[in-house]
Amino acid sequence: MQGRDFILADTETHKPNFGTYTYLIKSYELKDALNLYIDDRSLKYFIFVQIPLFIKLMQSVRNESIHGESTAFKECEKIRNQVVGIGQNSILSELYHHAQLF
């Protein structure tokens, strides 16, 4: 995480940035472990594709507002629509659905 070694439990206290989460999801260690223990293809797709895409959207809006101008209403609306599922699948309902599998 940002050039330092941590364990997963450290994310509670050190608050990594969005890029760190994407990096962790794409790491071979996590992929190999999840491929061993998870057979559900839709869950793997959610973890390895949908979550990184959502993080990328959040990252772009956040970076724009932090390093540039104020976030436009349209950008906030895009995130809201993806979170609550207006006109598309909801990231929250997907998360809830997959959480029920455990």
N, C-alpha and C. Protein backbone atom coordinates (compact mmCIF):
# COMPACT_ATOMS: atom_id res chain seq x y z
N MET A 1 0.85 -1.16 0.00
CA MET A 1 0.00 0.00 0.00
C MET A 1 0.90 1.23 0.00
N GLN A 2 0.87 1.96 -1.06
CA GLN A 2 1.67 3.17 -1.24
C GLN A 2 3.14 2.98 -0.84
N GLY A 3 3.70 1.86 -1.28
CA GLY A 3 5.12 1.61 -1.06
C GLY A 3 5.48 1.02 0.28
N ARG A 4 4.49 0.70 1.11
CA ARG A 4 4.78 0.12 2.42
C ARG A 4 4.08 -1.23 2.54
N ASP A 5 4.58 -2.08 3.40
CA ASP A 5 3.98 -3.39 3.61
C ASP A 5 2.97 -3.33 4.75
N PHE A 6 1.79 -3.88 4.48
CA PHE A 6 0.73 -3.95 5.46
C PHE A 6 0.04 -5.30 5.34
N ILE A 7 -0.75 -5.63 6.33
CA ILE A 7 -1.62 -6.79 6.22
C ILE A 7 -3.04 -6.28 6.02
N LEU A 8 -3.95 -7.15 5.63
CA LEU A 8 -5.30 -6.74 5.31
C LEU A 8 -5.98 -6.00 6.47
N ALA A 9 -5.74 -6.43 7.69
CA ALA A 9 -6.35 -5.78 8.85
C ALA A 9 -5.91 -4.32 8.99
N ASP A 10 -4.76 -3.97 8.43
CA ASP A 10 -4.26 -2.59 8.52
C ASP A 10 -5.11 -1.59 7.73
N THR A 11 -5.94 -2.08 6.80
CA THR A 11 -6.77 -1.15 6.00
C THR A 11 -7.76 -0.40 6.87
N GLU A 12 -8.08 -0.94 8.03
CA GLU A 12 -9.00 -0.26 8.96
C GLU A 12 -8.37 1.01 9.53
N THR A 13 -7.08 1.00 9.77
CA THR A 13 -6.44 2.14 10.41
C THR A 13 -5.68 3.04 9.44
N HIS A 14 -5.18 2.49 8.33
CA HIS A 14 -4.35 3.28 7.42
C HIS A 14 -5.10 3.85 6.23
N LYS A 15 -6.33 3.48 6.01
CA LYS A 15 -7.21 4.02 4.97
C LYS A 15 -6.53 4.20 3.62
N PRO A 16 -6.33 3.11 2.90
CA PRO A 16 -5.70 3.21 1.58
C PRO A 16 -6.59 3.95 0.58
N ASN A 17 -5.97 4.45 -0.49
CA ASN A 17 -6.74 5.17 -1.50
C ASN A 17 -7.43 4.18 -2.44
N PHE A 18 -8.28 4.71 -3.35
CA PHE A 18 -9.02 3.86 -4.27
C PHE A 18 -8.11 2.99 -5.13
N GLY A 19 -7.00 3.53 -5.57
CA GLY A 19 -6.07 2.79 -6.42
C GLY A 19 -5.51 1.56 -5.72
N THR A 20 -5.33 1.65 -4.42
CA THR A 20 -4.82 0.52 -3.66
C THR A 20 -5.82 -0.63 -3.67
N TYR A 21 -7.10 -0.31 -3.52
CA TYR A 21 -8.11 -1.36 -3.55
C TYR A 21 -8.15 -2.05 -4.92
N THR A 22 -8.05 -1.26 -5.98
CA THR A 22 -8.03 -1.84 -7.32
C THR A 22 -6.80 -2.74 -7.49
N TYR A 23 -5.68 -2.27 -7.01
CA TYR A 23 -4.44 -3.05 -7.08
C TYR A 23 -4.60 -4.37 -6.33
N LEU A 24 -5.18 -4.32 -5.14
CA LEU A 24 -5.36 -5.54 -4.35
C LEU A 24 -6.31 -6.52 -5.04
N ILE A 25 -7.38 -6.01 -5.63
CA ILE A 25 -8.33 -6.88 -6.32
C ILE A 25 -7.68 -7.55 -7.52
N LYS A 26 -6.79 -6.83 -8.20
CA LYS A 26 -6.15 -7.38 -9.39
C LYS A 26 -4.92 -8.22 -9.08
N SER A 27 -4.51 -8.29 -7.82
CA SER A 27 -3.30 -9.03 -7.48
C SER A 27 -3.50 -10.53 -7.70
N TYR A 28 -2.44 -11.18 -8.15
CA TYR A 28 -2.50 -12.62 -8.42
C TYR A 28 -2.79 -13.42 -7.17
N GLU A 29 -2.29 -12.97 -6.03
CA GLU A 29 -2.52 -13.70 -4.79
C GLU A 29 -4.01 -13.78 -4.47
N LEU A 30 -4.70 -12.65 -4.58
CA LEU A 30 -6.14 -12.63 -4.29
C LEU A 30 -6.90 -13.42 -5.35
N LYS A 31 -6.56 -13.24 -6.62
CA LYS A 31 -7.24 -13.98 -7.69
C LYS A 31 -7.07 -15.48 -7.51
N ASP A 32 -5.86 -15.92 -7.22
CA ASP A 32 -5.62 -17.35 -7.03
C ASP A 32 -6.42 -17.90 -5.84
N ALA A 33 -6.43 -17.15 -4.74
CA ALA A 33 -7.16 -17.60 -3.56
C ALA A 33 -8.65 -17.67 -3.83
N LEU A 34 -9.21 -16.64 -4.46
CA LEU A 34 -10.64 -16.65 -4.74
C LEU A 34 -11.01 -17.72 -5.76
N ASN A 35 -10.15 -17.93 -6.74
CA ASN A 35 -10.42 -18.98 -7.72
C ASN A 35 -10.43 -20.37 -7.08
N LEU A 36 -9.65 -20.54 -6.03
CA LEU A 36 -9.64 -21.82 -5.32
C LEU A 36 -10.92 -22.07 -4.53
N TYR A 37 -11.46 -21.01 -3.92
CA TYR A 37 -12.55 -21.18 -2.97
C TYR A 37 -13.92 -20.75 -3.49
N ILE A 38 -13.98 -20.08 -4.62
CA ILE A 38 -15.27 -19.60 -5.14
C ILE A 38 -15.51 -20.20 -6.52
N ASP A 39 -16.65 -20.86 -6.65
CA ASP A 39 -17.01 -21.46 -7.93
C ASP A 39 -17.99 -20.59 -8.72
N ASP A 40 -18.71 -19.73 -8.04
CA ASP A 40 -19.75 -18.90 -8.67
C ASP A 40 -19.13 -17.88 -9.63
N ARG A 41 -19.38 -18.06 -10.92
CA ARG A 41 -18.79 -17.18 -11.93
C ARG A 41 -19.31 -15.75 -11.83
N SER A 42 -20.58 -15.59 -11.46
CA SER A 42 -21.13 -14.23 -11.35
C SER A 42 -20.49 -13.48 -10.19
N LEU A 43 -20.15 -14.19 -9.12
CA LEU A 43 -19.46 -13.55 -7.99
C LEU A 43 -18.05 -13.13 -8.40
N LYS A 44 -17.35 -14.00 -9.13
CA LYS A 44 -16.01 -13.65 -9.60
C LYS A 44 -16.07 -12.44 -10.53
N TYR A 45 -17.06 -12.40 -11.41
CA TYR A 45 -17.23 -11.27 -12.32
C TYR A 45 -17.47 -9.98 -11.52
N PHE A 46 -18.31 -10.09 -10.50
CA PHE A 46 -18.60 -8.94 -9.65
C PHE A 46 -17.32 -8.43 -8.99
N ILE A 47 -16.55 -9.33 -8.43
CA ILE A 47 -15.33 -8.94 -7.70
C ILE A 47 -14.25 -8.41 -8.65
N PHE A 48 -14.00 -9.12 -9.74
CA PHE A 48 -12.86 -8.80 -10.59
C PHE A 48 -13.17 -7.77 -11.68
N VAL A 49 -14.44 -7.55 -12.01
CA VAL A 49 -14.78 -6.62 -13.09
C VAL A 49 -15.63 -5.46 -12.59
N GLN A 50 -16.77 -5.77 -11.96
CA GLN A 50 -17.68 -4.69 -11.59
C GLN A 50 -17.14 -3.78 -10.49
N ILE A 51 -16.57 -4.36 -9.47
CA ILE A 51 -16.03 -3.52 -8.39
C ILE A 51 -14.90 -2.62 -8.89
N PRO A 52 -13.90 -3.13 -9.64
CA PRO A 52 -12.87 -2.22 -10.16
C PRO A 52 -13.42 -1.12 -11.07
N LEU A 53 -14.45 -1.43 -11.86
CA LEU A 53 -15.06 -0.39 -12.71
C LEU A 53 -15.73 0.68 -11.86
N PHE A 54 -16.42 0.26 -10.81
CA PHE A 54 -17.06 1.22 -9.92
C PHE A 54 -16.01 2.07 -9.20
N ILE A 55 -14.94 1.43 -8.75
CA ILE A 55 -13.85 2.17 -8.10
C ILE A 55 -13.26 3.19 -9.07
N LYS A 56 -13.08 2.79 -10.32
CA LYS A 56 -12.52 3.70 -11.33
C LYS A 56 -13.43 4.92 -11.53
N LEU A 57 -14.74 4.69 -11.57
CA LEU A 57 -15.68 5.81 -11.68
C LEU A 57 -15.57 6.73 -10.48
N MET A 58 -15.57 6.16 -9.28
CA MET A 58 -15.45 6.96 -8.06
C MET A 58 -14.13 7.73 -8.05
N GLN A 59 -13.07 7.07 -8.47
CA GLN A 59 -11.74 7.67 -8.49
C GLN A 59 -11.71 8.88 -9.43
N SER A 60 -12.30 8.73 -10.61
CA SER A 60 -12.24 9.83 -11.57
C SER A 60 -13.02 11.04 -11.08
N VAL A 61 -14.18 10.82 -10.48
CA VAL A 61 -14.97 11.93 -9.96
C VAL A 61 -14.26 12.57 -8.77
N ARG A 62 -13.73 11.76 -7.88
CA ARG A 62 -13.03 12.29 -6.71
C ARG A 62 -11.80 13.08 -7.13
N ASN A 63 -11.00 12.51 -8.03
CA ASN A 63 -9.78 13.19 -8.45
C ASN A 63 -10.08 14.52 -9.12
N GLU A 64 -11.14 14.54 -9.92
CA GLU A 64 -11.53 15.80 -10.58
C GLU A 64 -11.90 16.86 -9.55
N SER A 65 -12.65 16.45 -8.53
CA SER A 65 -13.09 17.43 -7.54
C SER A 65 -11.97 17.86 -6.60
N ILE A 66 -11.03 16.97 -6.34
CA ILE A 66 -9.92 17.31 -5.45
C ILE A 66 -8.87 18.15 -6.17
N HIS A 67 -8.53 17.75 -7.40
CA HIS A 67 -7.43 18.39 -8.11
C HIS A 67 -7.88 19.39 -9.16
N GLY A 68 -9.17 19.52 -9.34
CA GLY A 68 -9.66 20.43 -10.37
C GLY A 68 -10.80 21.28 -9.85
N GLU A 69 -11.84 21.28 -10.62
CA GLU A 69 -13.00 22.09 -10.27
C GLU A 69 -13.98 21.27 -9.43
N SER A 70 -15.03 21.95 -8.97
CA SER A 70 -16.08 21.27 -8.22
C SER A 70 -16.72 20.20 -9.09
N THR A 71 -17.16 19.16 -8.44
CA THR A 71 -17.80 18.06 -9.16
C THR A 71 -19.14 18.52 -9.72
N ALA A 72 -19.34 18.25 -11.00
CA ALA A 72 -20.58 18.64 -11.65
C ALA A 72 -21.71 17.73 -11.17
N PHE A 73 -22.91 18.29 -11.19
CA PHE A 73 -24.08 17.52 -10.77
C PHE A 73 -24.23 16.25 -11.61
N LYS A 74 -23.89 16.34 -12.88
CA LYS A 74 -24.01 15.20 -13.78
C LYS A 74 -23.11 14.05 -13.33
N GLU A 75 -21.91 14.36 -12.88
CA GLU A 75 -20.99 13.33 -12.39
C GLU A 75 -21.52 12.69 -11.11
N CYS A 76 -22.03 13.51 -10.21
CA CYS A 76 -22.60 12.98 -8.97
C CYS A 76 -23.81 12.11 -9.28
N GLU A 77 -24.58 12.53 -10.25
CA GLU A 77 -25.76 11.78 -10.66
C GLU A 77 -25.37 10.41 -11.22
N LYS A 78 -24.26 10.37 -11.96
CA LYS A 78 -23.77 9.11 -12.52
C LYS A 78 -23.45 8.10 -11.42
N ILE A 79 -22.78 8.57 -10.39
CA ILE A 79 -22.42 7.69 -9.27
C ILE A 79 -23.68 7.27 -8.52
N ARG A 80 -24.56 8.22 -8.25
CA ARG A 80 -25.80 7.89 -7.55
C ARG A 80 -26.59 6.84 -8.32
N ASN A 81 -26.69 7.01 -9.63
CA ASN A 81 -27.44 6.05 -10.45
C ASN A 81 -26.84 4.66 -10.38
N GLN A 82 -25.52 4.59 -10.35
CA GLN A 82 -24.87 3.28 -10.28
C GLN A 82 -25.03 2.67 -8.89
N VAL A 83 -24.99 3.48 -7.86
CA VAL A 83 -25.11 2.97 -6.50
C VAL A 83 -26.53 2.47 -6.24
N VAL A 84 -27.53 3.28 -6.58
CA VAL A 84 -28.92 2.90 -6.26
C VAL A 84 -29.63 2.20 -7.40
N GLY A 85 -29.05 2.18 -8.60
CA GLY A 85 -29.61 1.41 -9.70
C GLY A 85 -30.66 2.13 -10.52
N ILE A 86 -30.49 3.40 -10.76
CA ILE A 86 -31.42 4.14 -11.60
C ILE A 86 -30.98 3.98 -13.05
N GLY A 87 -31.79 3.26 -13.83
CA GLY A 87 -31.49 3.05 -15.24
C GLY A 87 -30.40 2.02 -15.50
N GLN A 88 -29.97 1.32 -14.49
CA GLN A 88 -28.92 0.30 -14.63
C GLN A 88 -28.93 -0.57 -13.39
N ASN A 89 -28.07 -1.59 -13.39
CA ASN A 89 -27.96 -2.44 -12.20
C ASN A 89 -27.36 -1.65 -11.05
N SER A 90 -27.78 -1.95 -9.87
CA SER A 90 -27.29 -1.28 -8.68
C SER A 90 -26.11 -2.04 -8.09
N ILE A 91 -25.05 -1.33 -7.80
CA ILE A 91 -23.88 -1.95 -7.16
C ILE A 91 -24.26 -2.46 -5.77
N LEU A 92 -25.17 -1.76 -5.09
CA LEU A 92 -25.61 -2.19 -3.76
C LEU A 92 -26.42 -3.48 -3.82
N SER A 93 -27.33 -3.59 -4.80
CA SER A 93 -28.13 -4.81 -4.90
C SER A 93 -27.24 -5.99 -5.30
N GLU A 94 -26.27 -5.74 -6.15
CA GLU A 94 -25.32 -6.80 -6.53
C GLU A 94 -24.53 -7.26 -5.30
N LEU A 95 -24.07 -6.31 -4.52
CA LEU A 95 -23.32 -6.63 -3.30
C LEU A 95 -24.19 -7.43 -2.33
N TYR A 96 -25.43 -6.99 -2.16
CA TYR A 96 -26.35 -7.70 -1.28
C TYR A 96 -26.60 -9.12 -1.78
N HIS A 97 -26.83 -9.25 -3.06
CA HIS A 97 -27.09 -10.56 -3.66
C HIS A 97 -25.92 -11.51 -3.41
N HIS A 98 -24.73 -11.05 -3.64
CA HIS A 98 -23.55 -11.91 -3.47
C HIS A 98 -23.25 -12.17 -2.01
N ALA A 99 -23.58 -11.25 -1.13
CA ALA A 99 -23.38 -11.45 0.30
C ALA A 99 -24.28 -12.57 0.82
N GLN A 100 -25.45 -12.73 0.20
CA GLN A 100 -26.38 -13.79 0.61
C GLN A 100 -25.82 -15.17 0.33
N LEU A 101 -24.87 -15.27 -0.59
CA LEU A 101 -24.28 -16.57 -0.94
C LEU A 101 -23.39 -17.11 0.18
N PHE A 102 -22.96 -16.21 1.07
CA PHE A 102 -22.09 -16.64 2.16
C PHE A 102 -22.92 -16.86 3.36
